[in-house]
N, C-alpha and C. Protein backbone atom coordinates (compact mmCIF):
# COMPACT_ATOMS: atom_id res chain seq x y z
N MET A 1 -1.49 22.04 21.74
CA MET A 1 -0.31 22.56 22.40
C MET A 1 0.93 21.90 21.80
N GLU A 2 1.90 22.70 21.42
CA GLU A 2 3.11 22.16 20.82
C GLU A 2 4.04 21.62 21.90
N ARG A 3 4.51 20.41 21.70
CA ARG A 3 5.44 19.81 22.65
C ARG A 3 6.85 20.04 22.16
N SER A 4 7.76 20.09 23.10
CA SER A 4 9.17 20.19 22.73
C SER A 4 9.98 19.37 23.71
N LEU A 5 11.17 19.00 23.27
CA LEU A 5 12.09 18.27 24.12
C LEU A 5 12.87 19.29 24.93
N ARG A 6 12.69 19.27 26.22
CA ARG A 6 13.41 20.20 27.08
C ARG A 6 13.37 19.66 28.49
N ARG A 7 14.51 19.66 29.14
CA ARG A 7 14.56 19.23 30.53
C ARG A 7 13.89 20.29 31.40
N PRO A 8 13.11 19.87 32.38
CA PRO A 8 12.50 20.85 33.28
C PRO A 8 13.59 21.68 33.96
N GLY A 9 13.37 23.01 34.04
CA GLY A 9 14.32 23.90 34.70
C GLY A 9 15.48 24.33 33.83
N ASP A 10 15.54 23.85 32.56
CA ASP A 10 16.64 24.27 31.68
C ASP A 10 16.54 25.75 31.38
N ARG A 11 17.67 26.44 31.37
CA ARG A 11 17.72 27.84 30.96
C ARG A 11 17.92 27.89 29.45
N GLU A 12 17.68 29.04 28.86
CA GLU A 12 17.98 29.21 27.44
C GLU A 12 19.49 29.10 27.26
N ARG A 13 19.92 28.44 26.20
CA ARG A 13 21.34 28.24 25.97
C ARG A 13 21.79 28.96 24.73
N SER A 14 23.06 29.28 24.69
CA SER A 14 23.60 29.94 23.50
C SER A 14 24.11 28.88 22.54
N SER A 15 24.54 29.33 21.37
CA SER A 15 25.01 28.38 20.35
C SER A 15 26.34 27.73 20.73
N THR A 16 27.02 28.23 21.77
CA THR A 16 28.29 27.64 22.17
C THR A 16 28.16 26.74 23.40
N ASP A 17 26.98 26.70 24.02
CA ASP A 17 26.76 25.80 25.16
C ASP A 17 26.76 24.36 24.68
N PRO A 18 27.05 23.42 25.58
CA PRO A 18 26.93 22.01 25.20
C PRO A 18 25.50 21.70 24.78
N ILE A 19 25.36 20.88 23.73
CA ILE A 19 24.01 20.56 23.28
C ILE A 19 23.37 19.56 24.24
N ALA A 20 22.09 19.68 24.40
CA ALA A 20 21.38 18.84 25.35
C ALA A 20 20.55 17.78 24.66
N MET A 21 20.10 18.06 23.44
CA MET A 21 19.19 17.15 22.76
C MET A 21 19.49 17.09 21.28
N ILE A 22 19.11 15.97 20.69
CA ILE A 22 19.26 15.79 19.25
C ILE A 22 18.02 15.08 18.72
N ALA A 23 17.55 15.55 17.58
CA ALA A 23 16.41 14.91 16.91
C ALA A 23 16.86 14.53 15.50
N VAL A 24 16.64 13.28 15.13
CA VAL A 24 16.97 12.78 13.81
C VAL A 24 15.68 12.31 13.15
N GLN A 25 15.40 12.86 11.99
CA GLN A 25 14.23 12.45 11.23
C GLN A 25 14.71 11.84 9.92
N THR A 26 14.36 10.58 9.67
CA THR A 26 14.70 9.94 8.41
C THR A 26 13.42 9.69 7.64
N ILE A 27 13.42 10.11 6.39
CA ILE A 27 12.27 9.88 5.50
C ILE A 27 12.77 9.06 4.33
N SER A 28 12.39 7.79 4.29
CA SER A 28 12.84 6.91 3.21
C SER A 28 11.68 6.59 2.28
N THR A 29 12.01 6.51 1.01
CA THR A 29 11.04 6.15 -0.02
C THR A 29 11.66 5.03 -0.83
N SER A 30 10.93 3.91 -0.96
CA SER A 30 11.45 2.78 -1.75
C SER A 30 10.45 2.42 -2.84
N TRP A 31 10.99 1.96 -3.99
CA TRP A 31 10.15 1.59 -5.12
C TRP A 31 10.90 0.65 -6.03
N THR A 32 10.16 0.07 -6.97
CA THR A 32 10.75 -0.83 -7.97
C THR A 32 10.60 -0.17 -9.35
N LYS A 33 10.93 -0.92 -10.36
CA LYS A 33 10.85 -0.40 -11.72
C LYS A 33 9.42 0.04 -12.07
N ALA A 34 8.43 -0.55 -11.42
CA ALA A 34 7.03 -0.22 -11.70
C ALA A 34 6.73 1.26 -11.43
N SER A 35 7.49 1.89 -10.56
CA SER A 35 7.23 3.29 -10.19
C SER A 35 8.29 4.24 -10.74
N ARG A 36 9.08 3.77 -11.70
CA ARG A 36 10.13 4.63 -12.23
C ARG A 36 9.61 5.79 -13.06
N GLY A 37 8.49 5.57 -13.72
CA GLY A 37 7.93 6.61 -14.57
C GLY A 37 6.42 6.68 -14.42
N GLY A 38 5.81 7.56 -15.19
CA GLY A 38 4.35 7.66 -15.22
C GLY A 38 3.75 8.25 -13.96
N SER A 39 2.50 7.89 -13.72
CA SER A 39 1.76 8.48 -12.61
C SER A 39 2.35 8.12 -11.25
N LEU A 40 2.89 6.91 -11.11
CA LEU A 40 3.50 6.55 -9.82
C LEU A 40 4.75 7.37 -9.54
N ALA A 41 5.51 7.71 -10.56
CA ALA A 41 6.68 8.56 -10.35
C ALA A 41 6.25 9.96 -9.92
N THR A 42 5.15 10.44 -10.46
CA THR A 42 4.62 11.74 -10.05
C THR A 42 4.21 11.69 -8.59
N MET A 43 3.52 10.62 -8.19
CA MET A 43 3.11 10.48 -6.79
C MET A 43 4.34 10.37 -5.88
N ARG A 44 5.35 9.64 -6.33
CA ARG A 44 6.58 9.47 -5.55
C ARG A 44 7.28 10.80 -5.33
N SER A 45 7.25 11.66 -6.34
CA SER A 45 7.93 12.95 -6.22
C SER A 45 7.24 13.88 -5.22
N ARG A 46 6.03 13.55 -4.80
CA ARG A 46 5.30 14.37 -3.82
C ARG A 46 5.59 13.99 -2.37
N VAL A 47 6.38 12.96 -2.16
CA VAL A 47 6.73 12.58 -0.79
C VAL A 47 7.48 13.75 -0.15
N PRO A 48 7.07 14.18 1.05
CA PRO A 48 7.72 15.34 1.67
C PRO A 48 9.16 15.06 2.07
N LYS A 49 9.94 16.13 2.14
CA LYS A 49 11.34 16.02 2.56
C LYS A 49 11.54 16.43 4.01
N ARG A 50 10.50 16.93 4.63
CA ARG A 50 10.51 17.22 6.06
C ARG A 50 9.07 17.22 6.56
N LEU A 51 8.93 16.79 7.78
CA LEU A 51 7.62 16.66 8.40
C LEU A 51 7.70 17.15 9.84
N PRO A 52 6.55 17.43 10.46
CA PRO A 52 6.58 17.74 11.90
C PRO A 52 7.19 16.55 12.66
N LEU A 53 7.98 16.86 13.64
CA LEU A 53 8.67 15.84 14.43
C LEU A 53 7.70 15.20 15.42
N LYS A 54 7.68 13.89 15.45
CA LYS A 54 6.89 13.19 16.46
C LYS A 54 7.77 13.01 17.68
N MET A 55 7.18 13.21 18.84
CA MET A 55 7.91 13.15 20.11
C MET A 55 7.47 11.94 20.93
N PRO A 56 8.40 11.37 21.67
CA PRO A 56 8.01 10.31 22.61
C PRO A 56 7.24 10.92 23.77
N ASN A 57 6.51 10.10 24.49
CA ASN A 57 5.73 10.58 25.62
C ASN A 57 6.58 11.02 26.79
N GLU A 58 7.73 10.42 26.95
CA GLU A 58 8.61 10.75 28.07
C GLU A 58 9.81 11.54 27.57
N PHE A 59 10.41 12.33 28.46
CA PHE A 59 11.59 13.11 28.10
C PHE A 59 12.73 12.18 27.68
N THR A 60 13.44 12.59 26.68
CA THR A 60 14.64 11.89 26.23
C THR A 60 15.56 12.90 25.57
N ASP A 61 16.85 12.64 25.59
CA ASP A 61 17.77 13.58 24.94
C ASP A 61 18.08 13.18 23.50
N LEU A 62 17.48 12.08 23.02
CA LEU A 62 17.63 11.65 21.64
C LEU A 62 16.27 11.18 21.13
N VAL A 63 15.88 11.67 19.97
CA VAL A 63 14.66 11.21 19.32
C VAL A 63 15.01 10.82 17.90
N TRP A 64 14.59 9.63 17.50
CA TRP A 64 14.72 9.19 16.11
C TRP A 64 13.31 8.98 15.58
N HIS A 65 12.92 9.81 14.64
CA HIS A 65 11.61 9.74 14.01
C HIS A 65 11.82 9.21 12.59
N SER A 66 11.44 7.95 12.39
CA SER A 66 11.65 7.27 11.11
C SER A 66 10.33 7.14 10.37
N ILE A 67 10.30 7.60 9.11
CA ILE A 67 9.09 7.55 8.29
C ILE A 67 9.45 6.85 6.98
N ALA A 68 8.64 5.87 6.58
CA ALA A 68 8.91 5.13 5.35
C ALA A 68 7.71 5.21 4.41
N TYR A 69 7.99 5.53 3.15
CA TYR A 69 6.98 5.54 2.09
C TYR A 69 7.33 4.45 1.09
N SER A 70 6.29 3.94 0.38
CA SER A 70 6.51 2.85 -0.55
C SER A 70 5.47 2.90 -1.67
N GLU A 71 5.77 2.21 -2.76
CA GLU A 71 4.81 2.12 -3.85
C GLU A 71 3.63 1.20 -3.50
N ARG A 72 3.73 0.45 -2.39
CA ARG A 72 2.63 -0.46 -1.99
C ARG A 72 1.30 0.26 -1.88
N ASN A 73 1.33 1.53 -1.41
CA ASN A 73 0.09 2.30 -1.30
C ASN A 73 0.16 3.56 -2.17
N LYS A 74 0.92 3.49 -3.23
CA LYS A 74 1.08 4.58 -4.18
C LYS A 74 1.62 5.85 -3.53
N PHE A 75 2.46 5.66 -2.51
CA PHE A 75 3.15 6.76 -1.82
C PHE A 75 2.18 7.74 -1.15
N ALA A 76 0.94 7.32 -0.94
CA ALA A 76 -0.09 8.21 -0.40
C ALA A 76 0.19 8.58 1.06
N ASP A 77 0.53 7.60 1.87
CA ASP A 77 0.77 7.79 3.29
C ASP A 77 1.97 6.93 3.68
N PRO A 78 2.59 7.24 4.80
CA PRO A 78 3.70 6.39 5.25
C PRO A 78 3.23 4.95 5.49
N VAL A 79 4.08 4.00 5.11
CA VAL A 79 3.78 2.59 5.39
C VAL A 79 4.33 2.18 6.74
N ALA A 80 5.22 2.99 7.30
CA ALA A 80 5.77 2.72 8.63
C ALA A 80 6.23 4.03 9.25
N VAL A 81 5.92 4.20 10.54
CA VAL A 81 6.38 5.36 11.30
C VAL A 81 6.84 4.83 12.65
N ARG A 82 8.06 5.21 13.02
CA ARG A 82 8.60 4.82 14.33
C ARG A 82 9.15 6.04 15.03
N VAL A 83 8.95 6.07 16.33
CA VAL A 83 9.55 7.10 17.16
C VAL A 83 10.26 6.37 18.29
N VAL A 84 11.57 6.47 18.30
CA VAL A 84 12.35 5.76 19.32
C VAL A 84 13.30 6.73 20.00
N ALA A 85 13.69 6.37 21.20
CA ALA A 85 14.56 7.24 22.00
C ALA A 85 15.98 6.71 22.06
N ASN A 86 16.35 5.88 21.09
CA ASN A 86 17.73 5.39 21.04
C ASN A 86 18.03 4.86 19.64
N CYS A 87 19.28 4.59 19.40
CA CYS A 87 19.71 3.97 18.15
C CYS A 87 20.95 3.17 18.47
N GLU A 88 21.04 1.97 17.90
CA GLU A 88 22.17 1.09 18.20
C GLU A 88 23.49 1.61 17.66
N ASP A 89 23.43 2.44 16.62
CA ASP A 89 24.65 3.03 16.07
C ASP A 89 24.35 4.46 15.63
N ASN A 90 25.27 5.09 14.98
CA ASN A 90 25.06 6.47 14.57
C ASN A 90 24.57 6.61 13.14
N ARG A 91 24.06 5.51 12.56
CA ARG A 91 23.60 5.52 11.17
C ARG A 91 22.11 5.78 11.03
N PHE A 92 21.32 5.54 12.05
CA PHE A 92 19.89 5.81 12.06
C PHE A 92 19.19 5.23 10.83
N GLY A 93 19.53 3.99 10.50
CA GLY A 93 18.89 3.30 9.39
C GLY A 93 19.35 3.73 8.02
N CYS A 94 20.38 4.54 7.93
CA CYS A 94 20.87 5.06 6.64
C CYS A 94 22.07 4.27 6.17
N ARG A 95 22.15 4.05 4.89
CA ARG A 95 23.28 3.30 4.32
C ARG A 95 24.50 4.20 4.11
N ASN A 96 24.26 5.46 3.77
CA ASN A 96 25.35 6.34 3.36
C ASN A 96 25.45 7.63 4.16
N ALA A 97 24.89 7.64 5.35
CA ALA A 97 24.96 8.84 6.18
C ALA A 97 25.09 8.44 7.64
N GLU A 98 25.65 9.33 8.44
CA GLU A 98 25.79 9.08 9.87
C GLU A 98 25.78 10.40 10.62
N VAL A 99 25.51 10.30 11.92
CA VAL A 99 25.45 11.47 12.78
C VAL A 99 26.41 11.26 13.93
N GLU A 100 27.28 12.25 14.17
CA GLU A 100 28.19 12.22 15.33
C GLU A 100 27.78 13.33 16.28
N LEU A 101 27.72 13.01 17.54
CA LEU A 101 27.36 13.99 18.55
C LEU A 101 28.60 14.39 19.32
N HIS A 102 28.87 15.69 19.37
CA HIS A 102 29.99 16.25 20.12
C HIS A 102 29.43 17.13 21.23
N ASP A 103 30.31 17.68 22.07
CA ASP A 103 29.85 18.49 23.20
C ASP A 103 29.03 19.70 22.78
N ASP A 104 29.47 20.41 21.74
CA ASP A 104 28.81 21.66 21.40
C ASP A 104 28.21 21.69 20.00
N LEU A 105 28.20 20.55 19.30
CA LEU A 105 27.60 20.48 17.97
C LEU A 105 27.40 19.02 17.57
N ALA A 106 26.68 18.84 16.48
CA ALA A 106 26.54 17.52 15.86
C ALA A 106 27.09 17.62 14.45
N ILE A 107 27.57 16.51 13.92
CA ILE A 107 28.08 16.48 12.56
C ILE A 107 27.27 15.45 11.78
N LEU A 108 26.61 15.91 10.72
CA LEU A 108 25.85 15.06 9.82
C LEU A 108 26.72 14.84 8.59
N THR A 109 27.04 13.58 8.29
CA THR A 109 27.98 13.27 7.21
C THR A 109 27.37 12.35 6.18
N TYR A 110 27.51 12.73 4.91
CA TYR A 110 27.22 11.82 3.80
C TYR A 110 28.55 11.19 3.41
N ARG A 111 28.57 9.87 3.33
CA ARG A 111 29.77 9.15 2.92
C ARG A 111 29.32 7.99 2.06
N TYR A 112 29.57 8.07 0.74
CA TYR A 112 29.12 6.99 -0.15
C TYR A 112 29.80 5.68 0.24
N GLN A 113 28.97 4.65 0.44
CA GLN A 113 29.49 3.33 0.75
C GLN A 113 28.85 2.24 -0.11
N THR A 114 27.59 2.45 -0.48
CA THR A 114 26.89 1.39 -1.20
C THR A 114 25.79 1.97 -2.06
N GLY A 115 25.33 1.19 -3.02
CA GLY A 115 24.25 1.60 -3.91
C GLY A 115 24.75 1.95 -5.29
N ALA A 116 23.93 1.63 -6.28
CA ALA A 116 24.27 1.97 -7.66
C ALA A 116 23.52 3.24 -8.05
N PRO A 117 24.08 3.98 -8.96
CA PRO A 117 25.39 3.80 -9.56
C PRO A 117 26.50 4.17 -8.58
N ALA A 118 27.66 3.58 -8.82
CA ALA A 118 28.82 3.90 -7.97
C ALA A 118 29.13 5.38 -8.11
N ARG A 119 29.51 5.99 -7.02
CA ARG A 119 29.81 7.43 -7.03
C ARG A 119 31.28 7.60 -6.69
N GLN A 120 32.01 8.05 -7.69
CA GLN A 120 33.44 8.23 -7.49
C GLN A 120 33.90 9.48 -8.22
N PHE A 121 34.85 10.14 -7.62
CA PHE A 121 35.45 11.32 -8.21
C PHE A 121 36.96 11.14 -8.13
N PHE A 122 37.69 11.97 -8.81
CA PHE A 122 39.14 11.92 -8.76
C PHE A 122 39.65 13.13 -8.00
N ASP A 123 40.55 12.89 -7.05
CA ASP A 123 41.13 14.00 -6.32
C ASP A 123 42.25 14.63 -7.15
N LYS A 124 42.95 15.59 -6.58
CA LYS A 124 43.98 16.34 -7.32
C LYS A 124 45.13 15.46 -7.77
N THR A 125 45.34 14.32 -7.09
CA THR A 125 46.44 13.43 -7.46
C THR A 125 46.01 12.38 -8.48
N GLY A 126 44.69 12.39 -8.83
CA GLY A 126 44.19 11.40 -9.78
C GLY A 126 43.68 10.14 -9.11
N THR A 127 43.66 10.13 -7.80
CA THR A 127 43.17 8.96 -7.06
C THR A 127 41.65 8.98 -7.02
N CYS A 128 41.06 7.84 -7.26
CA CYS A 128 39.61 7.71 -7.24
C CYS A 128 39.12 7.71 -5.78
N VAL A 129 38.19 8.61 -5.45
CA VAL A 129 37.66 8.70 -4.10
C VAL A 129 36.14 8.78 -4.14
N ALA A 130 35.51 8.26 -3.12
CA ALA A 130 34.06 8.34 -2.99
C ALA A 130 33.68 9.71 -2.43
N PRO A 131 32.52 10.22 -2.82
CA PRO A 131 32.12 11.53 -2.30
C PRO A 131 31.82 11.48 -0.81
N GLU A 132 32.15 12.57 -0.15
CA GLU A 132 31.90 12.70 1.29
C GLU A 132 31.65 14.17 1.58
N HIS A 133 30.67 14.42 2.43
CA HIS A 133 30.37 15.81 2.80
C HIS A 133 29.88 15.84 4.24
N ALA A 134 30.46 16.70 5.06
CA ALA A 134 30.08 16.82 6.47
C ALA A 134 29.49 18.20 6.73
N ILE A 135 28.44 18.23 7.54
CA ILE A 135 27.80 19.48 7.93
C ILE A 135 27.88 19.59 9.46
N LYS A 136 28.50 20.64 9.93
CA LYS A 136 28.54 20.90 11.37
C LYS A 136 27.27 21.65 11.76
N ILE A 137 26.55 21.10 12.74
CA ILE A 137 25.27 21.68 13.16
C ILE A 137 25.43 22.24 14.56
N PRO A 138 25.44 23.57 14.69
CA PRO A 138 25.57 24.16 16.03
C PRO A 138 24.25 24.06 16.80
N ASN A 139 24.33 24.41 18.06
CA ASN A 139 23.17 24.39 18.94
C ASN A 139 22.02 25.23 18.35
N ASN A 140 20.81 24.73 18.49
CA ASN A 140 19.58 25.41 18.07
C ASN A 140 19.47 25.61 16.56
N ARG A 141 20.04 24.69 15.79
CA ARG A 141 19.95 24.72 14.33
C ARG A 141 19.70 23.31 13.82
N TRP A 142 19.46 23.20 12.51
CA TRP A 142 19.29 21.89 11.89
C TRP A 142 19.85 21.89 10.48
N ALA A 143 20.11 20.67 9.97
CA ALA A 143 20.66 20.49 8.63
C ALA A 143 20.05 19.25 8.00
N SER A 144 20.28 19.08 6.70
CA SER A 144 19.65 17.98 5.96
C SER A 144 20.59 17.41 4.91
N ILE A 145 20.50 16.11 4.71
CA ILE A 145 21.21 15.42 3.63
C ILE A 145 20.19 14.57 2.89
N GLU A 146 20.31 14.54 1.55
CA GLU A 146 19.40 13.79 0.70
C GLU A 146 20.24 12.99 -0.30
N TYR A 147 19.94 11.70 -0.43
CA TYR A 147 20.65 10.88 -1.42
C TYR A 147 19.73 9.77 -1.94
N ASN A 148 20.15 9.11 -3.01
CA ASN A 148 19.38 8.01 -3.56
C ASN A 148 20.31 6.90 -4.03
N GLY A 149 19.72 5.79 -4.45
CA GLY A 149 20.51 4.69 -4.97
C GLY A 149 19.64 3.51 -5.37
N ARG A 150 20.26 2.58 -6.06
CA ARG A 150 19.62 1.31 -6.41
C ARG A 150 20.34 0.23 -5.62
N PHE A 151 19.57 -0.63 -4.99
CA PHE A 151 20.13 -1.64 -4.12
C PHE A 151 19.58 -3.01 -4.50
N SER A 152 20.31 -4.05 -4.17
CA SER A 152 19.83 -5.40 -4.46
C SER A 152 20.08 -6.31 -3.27
N CYS A 153 19.24 -7.33 -3.20
CA CYS A 153 19.35 -8.33 -2.13
C CYS A 153 20.38 -9.38 -2.55
N ILE A 154 21.35 -9.63 -1.72
CA ILE A 154 22.40 -10.58 -2.06
C ILE A 154 21.86 -12.01 -2.17
N ASP A 155 20.80 -12.31 -1.44
CA ASP A 155 20.23 -13.67 -1.46
C ASP A 155 19.32 -13.92 -2.65
N THR A 156 18.47 -12.95 -2.98
CA THR A 156 17.46 -13.18 -4.03
C THR A 156 17.81 -12.52 -5.36
N GLY A 157 18.65 -11.50 -5.32
CA GLY A 157 18.96 -10.76 -6.53
C GLY A 157 17.91 -9.70 -6.85
N ASN A 158 16.83 -9.65 -6.09
CA ASN A 158 15.81 -8.62 -6.30
C ASN A 158 16.42 -7.25 -6.02
N TRP A 159 15.99 -6.25 -6.77
CA TRP A 159 16.53 -4.91 -6.57
C TRP A 159 15.41 -3.91 -6.41
N TRP A 160 15.77 -2.76 -5.83
CA TRP A 160 14.82 -1.68 -5.59
C TRP A 160 15.57 -0.36 -5.57
N TYR A 161 14.82 0.69 -5.69
CA TYR A 161 15.36 2.05 -5.59
C TYR A 161 15.04 2.61 -4.21
N GLU A 162 15.86 3.53 -3.78
CA GLU A 162 15.65 4.14 -2.47
C GLU A 162 16.07 5.60 -2.51
N HIS A 163 15.24 6.44 -1.91
CA HIS A 163 15.54 7.86 -1.73
C HIS A 163 15.51 8.12 -0.23
N MET A 164 16.51 8.79 0.31
CA MET A 164 16.60 9.00 1.75
C MET A 164 16.85 10.47 2.04
N VAL A 165 16.10 10.99 3.01
CA VAL A 165 16.33 12.33 3.53
C VAL A 165 16.61 12.19 5.02
N ILE A 166 17.67 12.83 5.49
CA ILE A 166 18.04 12.80 6.91
C ILE A 166 18.06 14.24 7.40
N ASN A 167 17.16 14.55 8.31
CA ASN A 167 17.10 15.88 8.93
C ASN A 167 17.58 15.73 10.37
N VAL A 168 18.50 16.59 10.79
CA VAL A 168 19.06 16.51 12.14
C VAL A 168 19.00 17.89 12.80
N ALA A 169 18.36 17.95 13.97
CA ALA A 169 18.28 19.18 14.76
C ALA A 169 18.97 18.96 16.10
N VAL A 170 19.66 19.99 16.57
CA VAL A 170 20.27 19.93 17.90
C VAL A 170 19.89 21.19 18.66
N GLY A 171 19.80 21.06 19.97
CA GLY A 171 19.49 22.24 20.76
C GLY A 171 19.16 21.93 22.20
N SER A 172 18.91 22.98 22.93
CA SER A 172 18.50 22.82 24.32
C SER A 172 17.02 22.53 24.42
N SER A 173 16.27 22.93 23.41
CA SER A 173 14.84 22.67 23.34
C SER A 173 14.51 22.41 21.88
N ILE A 174 13.88 21.31 21.59
CA ILE A 174 13.56 20.98 20.21
C ILE A 174 12.04 20.89 20.07
N SER A 175 11.51 21.69 19.20
CA SER A 175 10.07 21.78 18.97
C SER A 175 9.62 20.71 17.98
N CYS A 176 8.37 20.32 18.08
CA CYS A 176 7.77 19.41 17.09
C CYS A 176 7.83 20.01 15.69
N ASN A 177 7.87 21.32 15.63
CA ASN A 177 7.84 22.04 14.37
C ASN A 177 9.24 22.47 13.90
N CYS A 178 10.28 21.91 14.51
CA CYS A 178 11.65 22.40 14.24
C CYS A 178 12.04 22.31 12.77
N PHE A 179 11.60 21.28 12.06
CA PHE A 179 11.98 21.13 10.65
C PHE A 179 11.06 21.91 9.72
N MET A 180 9.92 22.35 10.22
CA MET A 180 8.94 23.05 9.40
C MET A 180 9.04 24.57 9.54
N ALA A 181 9.41 25.05 10.71
CA ALA A 181 9.35 26.49 11.00
C ALA A 181 10.55 27.27 10.49
N THR A 182 11.68 26.62 10.29
CA THR A 182 12.89 27.32 9.85
C THR A 182 13.54 26.55 8.71
N GLU A 183 14.48 27.20 8.07
CA GLU A 183 15.25 26.56 7.00
C GLU A 183 16.52 25.95 7.59
N PRO A 184 17.04 24.88 6.99
CA PRO A 184 18.28 24.29 7.51
C PRO A 184 19.48 25.21 7.29
N ILE A 185 20.50 25.04 8.14
CA ILE A 185 21.72 25.83 7.92
C ILE A 185 22.42 25.39 6.64
N GLU A 186 22.22 24.12 6.27
CA GLU A 186 22.76 23.61 5.01
C GLU A 186 21.98 22.37 4.61
N SER A 187 21.78 22.23 3.30
CA SER A 187 21.19 21.02 2.72
C SER A 187 22.18 20.49 1.69
N TYR A 188 22.54 19.22 1.82
CA TYR A 188 23.46 18.60 0.87
C TYR A 188 22.69 17.54 0.10
N THR A 189 22.84 17.53 -1.20
CA THR A 189 22.12 16.59 -2.06
C THR A 189 23.11 15.79 -2.88
N GLN A 190 22.94 14.47 -2.87
CA GLN A 190 23.77 13.57 -3.68
C GLN A 190 22.80 12.62 -4.40
N LEU A 191 22.21 13.14 -5.48
CA LEU A 191 21.22 12.36 -6.23
C LEU A 191 21.81 11.94 -7.55
N ALA A 192 21.70 10.65 -7.84
CA ALA A 192 22.20 10.11 -9.10
C ALA A 192 21.01 9.82 -10.03
N ARG A 193 21.27 9.75 -11.29
CA ARG A 193 20.24 9.31 -12.24
C ARG A 193 20.12 7.80 -12.11
N LEU A 194 18.96 7.36 -11.66
CA LEU A 194 18.77 5.93 -11.41
C LEU A 194 18.18 5.26 -12.64
N ARG A 195 18.76 4.13 -13.00
CA ARG A 195 18.28 3.38 -14.19
C ARG A 195 17.80 2.03 -13.78
């Protein structure tokens, strides 16, 4: 039986009604130079960009489903899966993306802040600006942002690569299959060539 997030007694809502629920799915993949090429890179490229949503046992109006893949097990299965009903901020574990919840929609935003290579463009005045892209997600729809980067630990100097996919659905009822059954209203990709 498919579960969905829905308050008991809720009526069907239109796309202009206030949103009742939000589901955020983050799929992160991390690796080192050992997986940059060859068979491990092939395995890494098979990591899914969307999965069935895991639901908490109790009703909640926010679900964060976090899935992490790593070269530790050759990207075969997630090394960590969390399902939580809250988040301390609107970043949901992402370095360069955030989610804002409004009365009748959610906004999923990519905003470059960290990671190599640096991403900069020049605006019409010649001023250097970081890339930014916002997607407005109306009720009963979903959207996705995908980005990558190379990061390093300030204490050890060790570095790693990271690929992140953020899927966000809003609605009065959110199905476990919400990311699998339909296409997103928009997908934004900010992928750099990682060296």
